[in-house]
Amino acid sequence: MYLYKLMLDKNQLIVPSAIAAMAIAGIVGWEIKKRTSVNMAITSQQSPAVTKQSHSTSEIAATTNSTIVEKMAREVTVRVLTESVPGSGVIILQQSSSTDGRQGKTYSVLTCQHVISESKKGGYRVLSPDGKVYPARVKSTPKLKGLDLAVVEFDSNTIYRVAELGKSEDLGSDISVYAAGFPNHHVVNADRIEDTIDWGLRAFRFTVGKVGSISPQQLPDGYSLGYTNEVASGMSGGPVFNNQGELIGINGRLKYPVAGIDAFIYADGTKPSIEIFEQMEALSWAIPIVTYQQVVKK
């Protein structure tokens, strides 16, 4: 059984509210403690006036950058609708095409293989950034075998933005990253969860976080980029961006998998230490875009 089946089974993705709240509270607490330590170190080296001004400037810059990247994310992120559980994707290529004698454009969407694998009849559709729904098809990409990646195509006369590919190999720890996609569920309160399948673009979610780990050993299916962003079921296949709004990864694995440490068996069959596992399970995971670039160029 594939690893992602253990992590992304639709019957296991709705974590009980209490457990989810405890997990999120733990992560938030860790972030607050970390940031407090950093702020204390800065304060000890600067006067209160300088510190206050530096923090204010930094916060404004971070907010502005997040707003710019979110706008770009909304223009390239799509929802991949299937016969079973929907997922997300990102537009990476535009080509001229001819359909029924009419000139148009064919758009290629990069997503996760597990998003499209359960549609036995091949019924795919794409919800575009302007809210239109197009019939779609899976492009045969033998080079992606062994990776949790797939390419879906759709045709349109509308001009859509194409994501710019970044250099995921240049990422370092604690670098800001941004994740986008369409969660399949919305938690209203402790007793109510709504399905977002009919929400259209309203289901779009954009989250801000930092690089938490770049695994020196690749996990199965190509995963090796861990980040602190909250990613929910349905955001698989969605994009991860850097500060410049460049595509650096594809969402695919959620935090705190039900399989525990077995979900982090490396591609060579070994497992991380308990200490490393505890760090890894608190992160969401993506396939770096450089992994995709390397295989398609072969």
C-alpha atoms as a PDB file:
ATOM      1  CA  MET A   1       0.000   0.000   0.000  1.00  0.00           C
ATOM      2  CA  TYR A   2       1.370   3.373  -0.929  1.00  0.00           C
ATOM      3  CA  LEU A   3       2.503   5.644   1.892  1.00  0.00           C
ATOM      4  CA  TYR A   4       0.224   8.462   0.920  1.00  0.00           C
ATOM      5  CA  LYS A   5      -2.751   6.138   1.264  1.00  0.00           C
ATOM      6  CA  LEU A   6      -1.979   5.919   4.984  1.00  0.00           C
ATOM      7  CA  MET A   7      -1.753   9.668   5.313  1.00  0.00           C
ATOM      8  CA  LEU A   8      -4.426  10.921   3.006  1.00  0.00           C
ATOM      9  CA  ASP A   9      -7.207   8.355   3.311  1.00  0.00           C
ATOM     10  CA  LYS A  10     -10.342  10.442   3.230  1.00  0.00           C
ATOM     11  CA  ASN A  11     -11.729   8.575   6.220  1.00  0.00           C
ATOM     12  CA  GLN A  12      -8.745   9.544   8.365  1.00  0.00           C
ATOM     13  CA  LEU A  13      -8.184  13.153   7.391  1.00  0.00           C
ATOM     14  CA  ILE A  14     -10.783  14.722   9.647  1.00  0.00           C
ATOM     15  CA  VAL A  15      -8.906  14.745  12.935  1.00  0.00           C
ATOM     16  CA  PRO A  16     -11.101  15.006  16.037  1.00  0.00           C
ATOM     17  CA  SER A  17     -11.395  18.624  17.101  1.00  0.00           C
ATOM     18  CA  ALA A  18      -9.856  18.145  20.506  1.00  0.00           C
ATOM     19  CA  ILE A  19      -6.761  16.338  19.175  1.00  0.00           C
ATOM     20  CA  ALA A  20      -6.341  18.882  16.385  1.00  0.00           C
ATOM     21  CA  ALA A  21      -6.649  21.751  18.850  1.00  0.00           C
ATOM     22  CA  MET A  22      -4.003  20.194  21.135  1.00  0.00           C
ATOM     23  CA  ALA A  23      -1.643  19.644  18.192  1.00  0.00           C
ATOM     24  CA  ILE A  24      -2.067  23.177  16.886  1.00  0.00           C
ATOM     25  CA  ALA A  25      -1.727  24.616  20.379  1.00  0.00           C
ATOM     26  CA  GLY A  26       1.551  22.735  20.803  1.00  0.00           C
ATOM     27  CA  ILE A  27       2.917  24.051  17.515  1.00  0.00           C
ATOM     28  CA  VAL A  28       1.808  27.608  18.297  1.00  0.00           C
ATOM     29  CA  GLY A  29       3.341  27.362  21.748  1.00  0.00           C
ATOM     30  CA  TRP A  30       6.648  26.217  20.277  1.00  0.00           C
ATOM     31  CA  GLU A  31       6.612  29.097  17.774  1.00  0.00           C
ATOM     32  CA  ILE A  32       5.833  31.656  20.498  1.00  0.00           C
ATOM     33  CA  LYS A  33       8.643  30.336  22.689  1.00  0.00           C
ATOM     34  CA  LYS A  34      11.074  30.431  19.767  1.00  0.00           C
ATOM     35  CA  ARG A  35      10.110  33.940  18.715  1.00  0.00           C
ATOM     36  CA  THR A  36      10.253  35.178  22.306  1.00  0.00           C
ATOM     37  CA  SER A  37      13.834  33.921  22.620  1.00  0.00           C
ATOM     38  CA  VAL A  38      14.804  35.649  19.387  1.00  0.00           C
ATOM     39  CA  ASN A  39      13.167  38.913  20.447  1.00  0.00           C
ATOM     40  CA  MET A  40      14.928  38.825  23.811  1.00  0.00           C
ATOM     41  CA  ALA A  41      18.284  38.357  22.095  1.00  0.00           C
ATOM     42  CA  ILE A  42      17.619  41.305  19.788  1.00  0.00           C
ATOM     43  CA  THR A  43      16.398  43.500  22.626  1.00  0.00           C
ATOM     44  CA  SER A  44      19.587  42.880  24.596  1.00  0.00           C
ATOM     45  CA  GLN A  45      21.601  44.355  21.732  1.00  0.00           C
ATOM     46  CA  GLN A  46      19.432  47.331  20.787  1.00  0.00           C
ATOM     47  CA  SER A  47      17.788  50.235  22.524  1.00  0.00           C
ATOM     48  CA  PRO A  48      13.990  49.961  23.027  1.00  0.00           C
ATOM     49  CA  ALA A  49      13.384  52.647  20.400  1.00  0.00           C
ATOM     50  CA  VAL A  50      15.496  50.905  17.768  1.00  0.00           C
ATOM     51  CA  THR A  51      13.980  47.520  18.587  1.00  0.00           C
ATOM     52  CA  LYS A  52      10.439  48.835  18.279  1.00  0.00           C
ATOM     53  CA  GLN A  53      11.192  50.483  14.946  1.00  0.00           C
ATOM     54  CA  SER A  54      12.931  47.357  13.601  1.00  0.00           C
ATOM     55  CA  HIS A  55      10.042  45.120  14.594  1.00  0.00           C
ATOM     56  CA  SER A  56       7.518  47.500  13.049  1.00  0.00           C
ATOM     57  CA  THR A  57       9.438  47.687   9.753  1.00  0.00           C
ATOM     58  CA  SER A  58       9.898  43.915   9.655  1.00  0.00           C
ATOM     59  CA  GLU A  59       6.212  43.253  10.311  1.00  0.00           C
ATOM     60  CA  ILE A  60       5.126  45.699   7.603  1.00  0.00           C
ATOM     61  CA  ALA A  61       7.515  44.137   5.080  1.00  0.00           C
ATOM     62  CA  ALA A  62       6.341  40.609   5.940  1.00  0.00           C
ATOM     63  CA  THR A  63       2.676  41.592   5.630  1.00  0.00           C
ATOM     64  CA  THR A  64       3.227  43.361   2.311  1.00  0.00           C
ATOM     65  CA  ASN A  65       5.168  40.450   0.865  1.00  0.00           C
ATOM     66  CA  SER A  66       2.526  37.943   1.990  1.00  0.00           C
ATOM     67  CA  THR A  67      -0.184  40.007   0.293  1.00  0.00           C
ATOM     68  CA  ILE A  68       1.756  40.122  -2.981  1.00  0.00           C
ATOM     69  CA  VAL A  69       2.468  36.373  -2.967  1.00  0.00           C
ATOM     70  CA  GLU A  70      -1.154  35.562  -2.108  1.00  0.00           C
ATOM     71  CA  LYS A  71      -2.361  37.576  -5.120  1.00  0.00           C
ATOM     72  CA  MET A  72       0.007  35.615  -7.354  1.00  0.00           C
ATOM     73  CA  ALA A  73      -1.058  32.343  -5.744  1.00  0.00           C
ATOM     74  CA  ARG A  74      -4.723  33.009  -6.493  1.00  0.00           C
ATOM     75  CA  GLU A  75      -3.851  33.541 -10.166  1.00  0.00           C
ATOM     76  CA  VAL A  76      -2.071  30.203 -10.693  1.00  0.00           C
ATOM     77  CA  THR A  77      -3.697  27.793  -8.203  1.00  0.00           C
ATOM     78  CA  VAL A  78      -6.532  25.564  -9.428  1.00  0.00           C
ATOM     79  CA  ARG A  79      -8.778  22.925  -7.921  1.00  0.00           C
ATOM     80  CA  VAL A  80      -8.617  19.483  -9.506  1.00  0.00           C
ATOM     81  CA  LEU A  81     -12.073  17.910  -9.385  1.00  0.00           C
ATOM     82  CA  THR A  82     -12.195  14.117  -9.633  1.00  0.00           C
ATOM     83  CA  GLU A  83     -14.731  11.331  -9.220  1.00  0.00           C
ATOM     84  CA  SER A  84     -13.617  10.809  -5.639  1.00  0.00           C
ATOM     85  CA  VAL A  85     -11.694  13.237  -3.419  1.00  0.00           C
ATOM     86  CA  PRO A  86     -10.766  16.584  -5.031  1.00  0.00           C
ATOM     87  CA  GLY A  87      -7.304  18.058  -4.802  1.00  0.00           C
ATOM     88  CA  SER A  88      -5.386  21.122  -5.928  1.00  0.00           C
ATOM     89  CA  GLY A  89      -2.883  22.005  -8.617  1.00  0.00           C
ATOM     90  CA  VAL A  90      -0.809  24.818 -10.103  1.00  0.00           C
ATOM     91  CA  ILE A  91      -0.568  26.051 -13.706  1.00  0.00           C
ATOM     92  CA  ILE A  92       3.010  25.558 -14.917  1.00  0.00           C
ATOM     93  CA  LEU A  93       2.765  25.734 -18.719  1.00  0.00           C
ATOM     94  CA  GLN A  94       0.750  27.353 -21.508  1.00  0.00           C
ATOM     95  CA  GLN A  95       0.882  26.151 -25.116  1.00  0.00           C
ATOM     96  CA  SER A  96      -1.027  27.015 -28.264  1.00  0.00           C
ATOM     97  CA  SER A  97      -3.536  24.394 -29.353  1.00  0.00           C
ATOM     98  CA  SER A  98      -6.127  23.787 -32.046  1.00  0.00           C
ATOM     99  CA  THR A  99      -9.533  22.329 -31.188  1.00  0.00           C
ATOM    100  CA  ASP A 100     -12.218  21.802 -33.852  1.00  0.00           C
ATOM    101  CA  GLY A 101     -10.316  24.131 -36.140  1.00  0.00           C
ATOM    102  CA  ARG A 102     -10.244  26.917 -33.543  1.00  0.00           C
ATOM    103  CA  GLN A 103      -7.075  28.245 -32.021  1.00  0.00           C
ATOM    104  CA  GLY A 104      -6.834  28.208 -28.254  1.00  0.00           C
ATOM    105  CA  LYS A 105      -4.476  27.403 -25.418  1.00  0.00           C
ATOM    106  CA  THR A 106      -3.645  24.237 -23.544  1.00  0.00           C
ATOM    107  CA  TYR A 107      -2.669  24.647 -19.909  1.00  0.00           C
ATOM    108  CA  SER A 108      -0.627  22.104 -17.973  1.00  0.00           C
ATOM    109  CA  VAL A 109      -1.359  21.739 -14.269  1.00  0.00           C
ATOM    110  CA  LEU A 110       1.113  20.063 -11.918  1.00  0.00           C
ATOM    111  CA  THR A 111      -0.581  18.139  -9.115  1.00  0.00           C
ATOM    112  CA  CYS A 112      -0.100  14.967  -7.042  1.00  0.00           C
ATOM    113  CA  GLN A 113      -0.473  11.493  -8.485  1.00  0.00           C
ATOM    114  CA  HIS A 114      -2.602  10.433  -5.529  1.00  0.00           C
ATOM    115  CA  VAL A 115      -5.080  13.212  -6.361  1.00  0.00           C
ATOM    116  CA  ILE A 116      -5.946  11.715  -9.758  1.00  0.00           C
ATOM    117  CA  SER A 117      -5.220   8.037  -9.156  1.00  0.00           C
ATOM    118  CA  GLU A 118      -8.660   7.025  -7.846  1.00  0.00           C
ATOM    119  CA  SER A 119     -10.732   8.399 -10.734  1.00  0.00           C
ATOM    120  CA  LYS A 120     -11.201   5.064 -12.472  1.00  0.00           C
ATOM    121  CA  LYS A 121     -13.331   6.485 -15.287  1.00  0.00           C
ATOM    122  CA  GLY A 122     -10.945   9.342 -15.945  1.00  0.00           C
ATOM    123  CA  GLY A 123     -13.477  12.022 -15.074  1.00  0.00           C
ATOM    124  CA  TYR A 124     -11.445  15.141 -14.362  1.00  0.00           C
ATOM    125  CA  ARG A 125     -12.304  18.815 -14.256  1.00  0.00           C
ATOM    126  CA  VAL A 126     -10.349  21.919 -13.320  1.00  0.00           C
ATOM    127  CA  LEU A 127     -11.706  24.918 -11.423  1.00  0.00           C
ATOM    128  CA  SER A 128      -9.701  27.803 -12.892  1.00  0.00           C
ATOM    129  CA  PRO A 129      -8.565  30.979 -11.077  1.00  0.00           C
ATOM    130  CA  ASP A 130     -11.527  32.936 -12.510  1.00  0.00           C
ATOM    131  CA  GLY A 131     -14.100  30.405 -11.320  1.00  0.00           C
ATOM    132  CA  LYS A 132     -14.702  28.585 -14.619  1.00  0.00           C
ATOM    133  CA  VAL A 133     -14.795  24.781 -14.714  1.00  0.00           C
ATOM    134  CA  TYR A 134     -13.088  23.002 -17.614  1.00  0.00           C
ATOM    135  CA  PRO A 135     -13.013  19.325 -18.601  1.00  0.00           C
ATOM    136  CA  ALA A 136      -9.481  18.006 -18.113  1.00  0.00           C
ATOM    137  CA  ARG A 137      -7.328  15.028 -18.971  1.00  0.00           C
ATOM    138  CA  VAL A 138      -4.236  13.414 -17.507  1.00  0.00           C
ATOM    139  CA  LYS A 139      -1.084  13.809 -19.563  1.00  0.00           C
ATOM    140  CA  SER A 140       1.081  10.715 -19.882  1.00  0.00           C
ATOM    141  CA  THR A 141       4.369  11.492 -18.114  1.00  0.00           C
ATOM    142  CA  PRO A 142       6.440   8.290 -17.727  1.00  0.00           C
ATOM    143  CA  LYS A 143       9.374  10.301 -16.383  1.00  0.00           C
ATOM    144  CA  LEU A 144       7.390  11.080 -13.225  1.00  0.00           C
ATOM    145  CA  LYS A 145       7.133   7.397 -12.284  1.00  0.00           C
ATOM    146  CA  GLY A 146       8.177   6.928  -8.664  1.00  0.00           C
ATOM    147  CA  LEU A 147       7.154  10.470  -7.715  1.00  0.00           C
ATOM    148  CA  ASP A 148       3.821  11.564  -6.286  1.00  0.00           C
ATOM    149  CA  LEU A 149       3.405  13.964  -9.207  1.00  0.00           C
ATOM    150  CA  ALA A 150       1.093  14.110 -12.223  1.00  0.00           C
ATOM    151  CA  VAL A 151       0.208  16.560 -14.970  1.00  0.00           C
ATOM    152  CA  VAL A 152      -3.383  17.425 -15.901  1.00  0.00           C
ATOM    153  CA  GLU A 153      -4.263  19.477 -18.993  1.00  0.00           C
ATOM    154  CA  PHE A 154      -7.231  21.654 -19.923  1.00  0.00           C
ATOM    155  CA  ASP A 155      -8.044  23.837 -22.938  1.00  0.00           C
ATOM    156  CA  SER A 156      -9.238  27.429 -22.839  1.00  0.00           C
ATOM    157  CA  ASN A 157      -9.258  30.625 -24.892  1.00  0.00           C
ATOM    158  CA  THR A 158      -8.782  32.600 -21.680  1.00  0.00           C
ATOM    159  CA  ILE A 159      -5.296  33.772 -20.771  1.00  0.00           C
ATOM    160  CA  TYR A 160      -4.239  32.497 -17.345  1.00  0.00           C
ATOM    161  CA  ARG A 161      -1.082  33.246 -15.455  1.00  0.00           C
ATOM    162  CA  VAL A 162       1.628  30.575 -15.364  1.00  0.00           C
ATOM    163  CA  ALA A 163       3.659  30.008 -12.195  1.00  0.00           C
ATOM    164  CA  GLU A 164       7.338  30.861 -12.343  1.00  0.00           C
ATOM    165  CA  LEU A 165       9.528  27.988 -11.174  1.00  0.00           C
ATOM    166  CA  GLY A 166      11.982  28.858  -8.408  1.00  0.00           C
ATOM    167  CA  LYS A 167      15.145  27.256  -7.053  1.00  0.00           C
ATOM    168  CA  SER A 168      14.062  24.990  -4.225  1.00  0.00           C
ATOM    169  CA  GLU A 169      17.639  23.740  -3.846  1.00  0.00           C
ATOM    170  CA  ASP A 170      18.634  27.187  -2.548  1.00  0.00           C
ATOM    171  CA  LEU A 171      16.247  27.101   0.412  1.00  0.00           C
ATOM    172  CA  GLY A 172      17.554  27.253   3.967  1.00  0.00           C
ATOM    173  CA  SER A 173      15.864  26.599   7.287  1.00  0.00           C
ATOM    174  CA  ASP A 174      13.611  29.301   8.715  1.00  0.00           C
ATOM    175  CA  ILE A 175      12.989  30.852   5.270  1.00  0.00           C
ATOM    176  CA  SER A 176       9.413  32.096   4.763  1.00  0.00           C
ATOM    177  CA  VAL A 177       7.242  29.961   2.476  1.00  0.00           C
ATOM    178  CA  TYR A 178       3.610  30.167   1.399  1.00  0.00           C
ATOM    179  CA  ALA A 179       1.245  27.264   0.672  1.00  0.00           C
ATOM    180  CA  ALA A 180      -2.018  27.414  -1.281  1.00  0.00           C
ATOM    181  CA  GLY A 181      -4.851  25.108  -2.261  1.00  0.00           C
ATOM    182  CA  PHE A 182      -8.476  24.147  -1.750  1.00  0.00           C
ATOM    183  CA  PRO A 183      -9.260  22.271   1.508  1.00  0.00           C
ATOM    184  CA  ASN A 184     -12.088  19.766   1.177  1.00  0.00           C
ATOM    185  CA  HIS A 185     -13.556  20.660   4.551  1.00  0.00           C
ATOM    186  CA  HIS A 186     -14.097  23.752   6.672  1.00  0.00           C
ATOM    187  CA  VAL A 187     -14.304  23.420  10.454  1.00  0.00           C
ATOM    188  CA  VAL A 188     -17.116  25.696  11.629  1.00  0.00           C
ATOM    189  CA  ASN A 189     -16.887  24.707  15.286  1.00  0.00           C
ATOM    190  CA  ALA A 190     -16.265  21.661  17.480  1.00  0.00           C
ATOM    191  CA  ASP A 191     -19.530  20.069  16.325  1.00  0.00           C
ATOM    192  CA  ARG A 192     -19.764  21.112  12.701  1.00  0.00           C
ATOM    193  CA  ILE A 193     -17.634  20.553   9.599  1.00  0.00           C
ATOM    194  CA  GLU A 194     -18.695  21.748   6.143  1.00  0.00           C
ATOM    195  CA  ASP A 195     -17.819  20.155   2.807  1.00  0.00           C
ATOM    196  CA  THR A 196     -16.368  22.770   0.423  1.00  0.00           C
ATOM    197  CA  ILE A 197     -16.932  20.903  -2.842  1.00  0.00           C
ATOM    198  CA  ASP A 198     -19.557  23.451  -3.964  1.00  0.00           C
ATOM    199  CA  TRP A 199     -17.805  26.519  -2.591  1.00  0.00           C
ATOM    200  CA  GLY A 200     -16.019  27.430  -5.800  1.00  0.00           C
ATOM    201  CA  LEU A 201     -13.158  29.893  -5.285  1.00  0.00           C
ATOM    202  CA  ARG A 202     -14.383  30.629  -1.764  1.00  0.00           C
ATOM    203  CA  ALA A 203     -12.665  27.417  -0.620  1.00  0.00           C
ATOM    204  CA  PHE A 204      -9.208  28.800  -1.517  1.00  0.00           C
ATOM    205  CA  ARG A 205      -6.761  28.880   1.385  1.00  0.00           C
ATOM    206  CA  PHE A 206      -3.371  30.582   1.650  1.00  0.00           C
ATOM    207  CA  THR A 207      -1.083  29.895   4.602  1.00  0.00           C
ATOM    208  CA  VAL A 208       2.185  31.437   5.754  1.00  0.00           C
ATOM    209  CA  GLY A 209       5.012  29.537   7.423  1.00  0.00           C
ATOM    210  CA  LYS A 210       8.719  28.754   7.303  1.00  0.00           C
ATOM    211  CA  VAL A 211      10.973  25.996   6.064  1.00  0.00           C
ATOM    212  CA  GLY A 212      11.312  23.580   8.964  1.00  0.00           C
ATOM    213  CA  SER A 213      13.460  20.859   7.427  1.00  0.00           C
ATOM    214  CA  ILE A 214      15.070  19.808   4.179  1.00  0.00           C
ATOM    215  CA  SER A 215      15.544  16.090   4.615  1.00  0.00           C
ATOM    216  CA  PRO A 216      19.022  14.907   3.554  1.00  0.00           C
ATOM    217  CA  GLN A 217      17.439  11.564   2.699  1.00  0.00           C
ATOM    218  CA  GLN A 218      14.456  11.569   0.383  1.00  0.00           C
ATOM    219  CA  LEU A 219      11.205  10.102   1.630  1.00  0.00           C
ATOM    220  CA  PRO A 220       9.214   7.819  -0.694  1.00  0.00           C
ATOM    221  CA  ASP A 221       7.475   9.468  -3.666  1.00  0.00           C
ATOM    222  CA  GLY A 222       9.946  12.379  -3.755  1.00  0.00           C
ATOM    223  CA  TYR A 223       9.072  14.225  -0.555  1.00  0.00           C
ATOM    224  CA  SER A 224      11.895  16.085   1.200  1.00  0.00           C
ATOM    225  CA  LEU A 225      10.758  19.666   1.904  1.00  0.00           C
ATOM    226  CA  GLY A 226       9.203  20.139   5.351  1.00  0.00           C
ATOM    227  CA  TYR A 227       7.513  23.404   6.336  1.00  0.00           C
ATOM    228  CA  THR A 228       5.443  24.770   9.218  1.00  0.00           C
ATOM    229  CA  ASN A 229       2.428  25.889   7.137  1.00  0.00           C
ATOM    230  CA  GLU A 230      -0.945  24.384   7.935  1.00  0.00           C
ATOM    231  CA  VAL A 231      -2.037  22.181   5.021  1.00  0.00           C
ATOM    232  CA  ALA A 232      -5.393  20.405   4.940  1.00  0.00           C
ATOM    233  CA  SER A 233      -6.923  17.523   2.991  1.00  0.00           C
ATOM    234  CA  GLY A 234      -7.677  18.801  -0.497  1.00  0.00           C
ATOM    235  CA  MET A 235      -4.591  21.016  -0.666  1.00  0.00           C
ATOM    236  CA  SER A 236      -2.536  18.098  -1.985  1.00  0.00           C
ATOM    237  CA  GLY A 237      -1.112  19.057  -5.366  1.00  0.00           C
ATOM    238  CA  GLY A 238      -1.265  22.737  -4.483  1.00  0.00           C
ATOM    239  CA  PRO A 239       1.755  25.049  -4.735  1.00  0.00           C
ATOM    240  CA  VAL A 240       4.375  26.143  -2.221  1.00  0.00           C
ATOM    241  CA  PHE A 241       5.989  29.523  -2.967  1.00  0.00           C
ATOM    242  CA  ASN A 242       9.048  31.418  -1.804  1.00  0.00           C
ATOM    243  CA  ASN A 243       9.236  35.132  -0.930  1.00  0.00           C
ATOM    244  CA  GLN A 244       9.455  36.049  -4.612  1.00  0.00           C
ATOM    245  CA  GLY A 245       6.243  34.189  -5.436  1.00  0.00           C
ATOM    246  CA  GLU A 246       8.165  31.478  -7.281  1.00  0.00           C
ATOM    247  CA  LEU A 247       6.979  27.872  -7.207  1.00  0.00           C
ATOM    248  CA  ILE A 248       9.336  25.798  -5.040  1.00  0.00           C
ATOM    249  CA  GLY A 249       7.255  22.753  -4.119  1.00  0.00           C
ATOM    250  CA  ILE A 250       4.039  20.746  -4.382  1.00  0.00           C
ATOM    251  CA  ASN A 251       1.954  20.081  -1.240  1.00  0.00           C
ATOM    252  CA  GLY A 252       1.230  16.451  -0.498  1.00  0.00           C
ATOM    253  CA  ARG A 253       1.681  15.278   3.079  1.00  0.00           C
ATOM    254  CA  LEU A 254      -0.020  16.503   6.241  1.00  0.00           C
ATOM    255  CA  LYS A 255       1.281  17.057   9.751  1.00  0.00           C
ATOM    256  CA  TYR A 256       1.036  14.309  12.401  1.00  0.00           C
ATOM    257  CA  PRO A 257       0.280  11.326  10.116  1.00  0.00           C
ATOM    258  CA  VAL A 258      -1.729   8.484  11.619  1.00  0.00           C
ATOM    259  CA  ALA A 259       1.015   6.036  10.599  1.00  0.00           C
ATOM    260  CA  GLY A 260       3.438   7.672  13.026  1.00  0.00           C
ATOM    261  CA  ILE A 261       7.125   7.041  12.428  1.00  0.00           C
ATOM    262  CA  ASP A 262       6.303   4.491   9.715  1.00  0.00           C
ATOM    263  CA  ALA A 263       5.166   7.407   7.563  1.00  0.00           C
ATOM    264  CA  PHE A 264       8.749   8.682   7.548  1.00  0.00           C
ATOM    265  CA  ILE A 265      10.597   5.622   6.330  1.00  0.00           C
ATOM    266  CA  TYR A 266      13.305   6.898   3.992  1.00  0.00           C
ATOM    267  CA  ALA A 267      13.540   5.747   0.396  1.00  0.00           C
ATOM    268  CA  ASP A 268      16.416   3.428   1.363  1.00  0.00           C
ATOM    269  CA  GLY A 269      14.237   1.653   3.963  1.00  0.00           C
ATOM    270  CA  THR A 270      15.741   3.209   7.112  1.00  0.00           C
ATOM    271  CA  LYS A 271      13.874   5.268   9.699  1.00  0.00           C
ATOM    272  CA  PRO A 272      14.794   8.545  11.391  1.00  0.00           C
ATOM    273  CA  SER A 273      15.701   8.653  15.065  1.00  0.00           C
ATOM    274  CA  ILE A 274      12.890   9.373  17.518  1.00  0.00           C
ATOM    275  CA  GLU A 275      14.233  12.898  18.013  1.00  0.00           C
ATOM    276  CA  ILE A 276      14.277  13.606  14.266  1.00  0.00           C
ATOM    277  CA  PHE A 277      10.873  11.953  13.813  1.00  0.00           C
ATOM    278  CA  GLU A 278       9.307  14.254  16.414  1.00  0.00           C
ATOM    279  CA  GLN A 279      10.565  17.237  14.439  1.00  0.00           C
ATOM    280  CA  MET A 280       9.407  15.793  11.123  1.00  0.00           C
ATOM    281  CA  GLU A 281       5.874  14.866  12.198  1.00  0.00           C
ATOM    282  CA  ALA A 282       5.146  18.467  13.211  1.00  0.00           C
ATOM    283  CA  LEU A 283       5.719  19.616   9.622  1.00  0.00           C
ATOM    284  CA  SER A 284       3.784  19.508   6.362  1.00  0.00           C
ATOM    285  CA  TRP A 285       5.767  18.013   3.456  1.00  0.00           C
ATOM    286  CA  ALA A 286       6.179  18.851  -0.218  1.00  0.00           C
ATOM    287  CA  ILE A 287       8.044  17.558  -3.235  1.00  0.00           C
ATOM    288  CA  PRO A 288      10.642  20.215  -4.149  1.00  0.00           C
ATOM    289  CA  ILE A 289      10.152  21.661  -7.618  1.00  0.00           C
ATOM    290  CA  VAL A 290      13.798  20.877  -8.415  1.00  0.00           C
ATOM    291  CA  THR A 291      12.889  17.175  -8.210  1.00  0.00           C
ATOM    292  CA  TYR A 292      10.296  17.692 -10.947  1.00  0.00           C
ATOM    293  CA  GLN A 293      12.716  19.768 -13.029  1.00  0.00           C
ATOM    294  CA  GLN A 294      15.451  17.159 -12.844  1.00  0.00           C
ATOM    295  CA  VAL A 295      13.302  14.269 -14.082  1.00  0.00           C
ATOM    296  CA  VAL A 296      11.556  16.105 -16.923  1.00  0.00           C
ATOM    297  CA  LYS A 297      14.896  17.302 -18.305  1.00  0.00           C
ATOM    298  CA  LYS A 298      16.281  13.780 -18.586  1.00  0.00           C
END
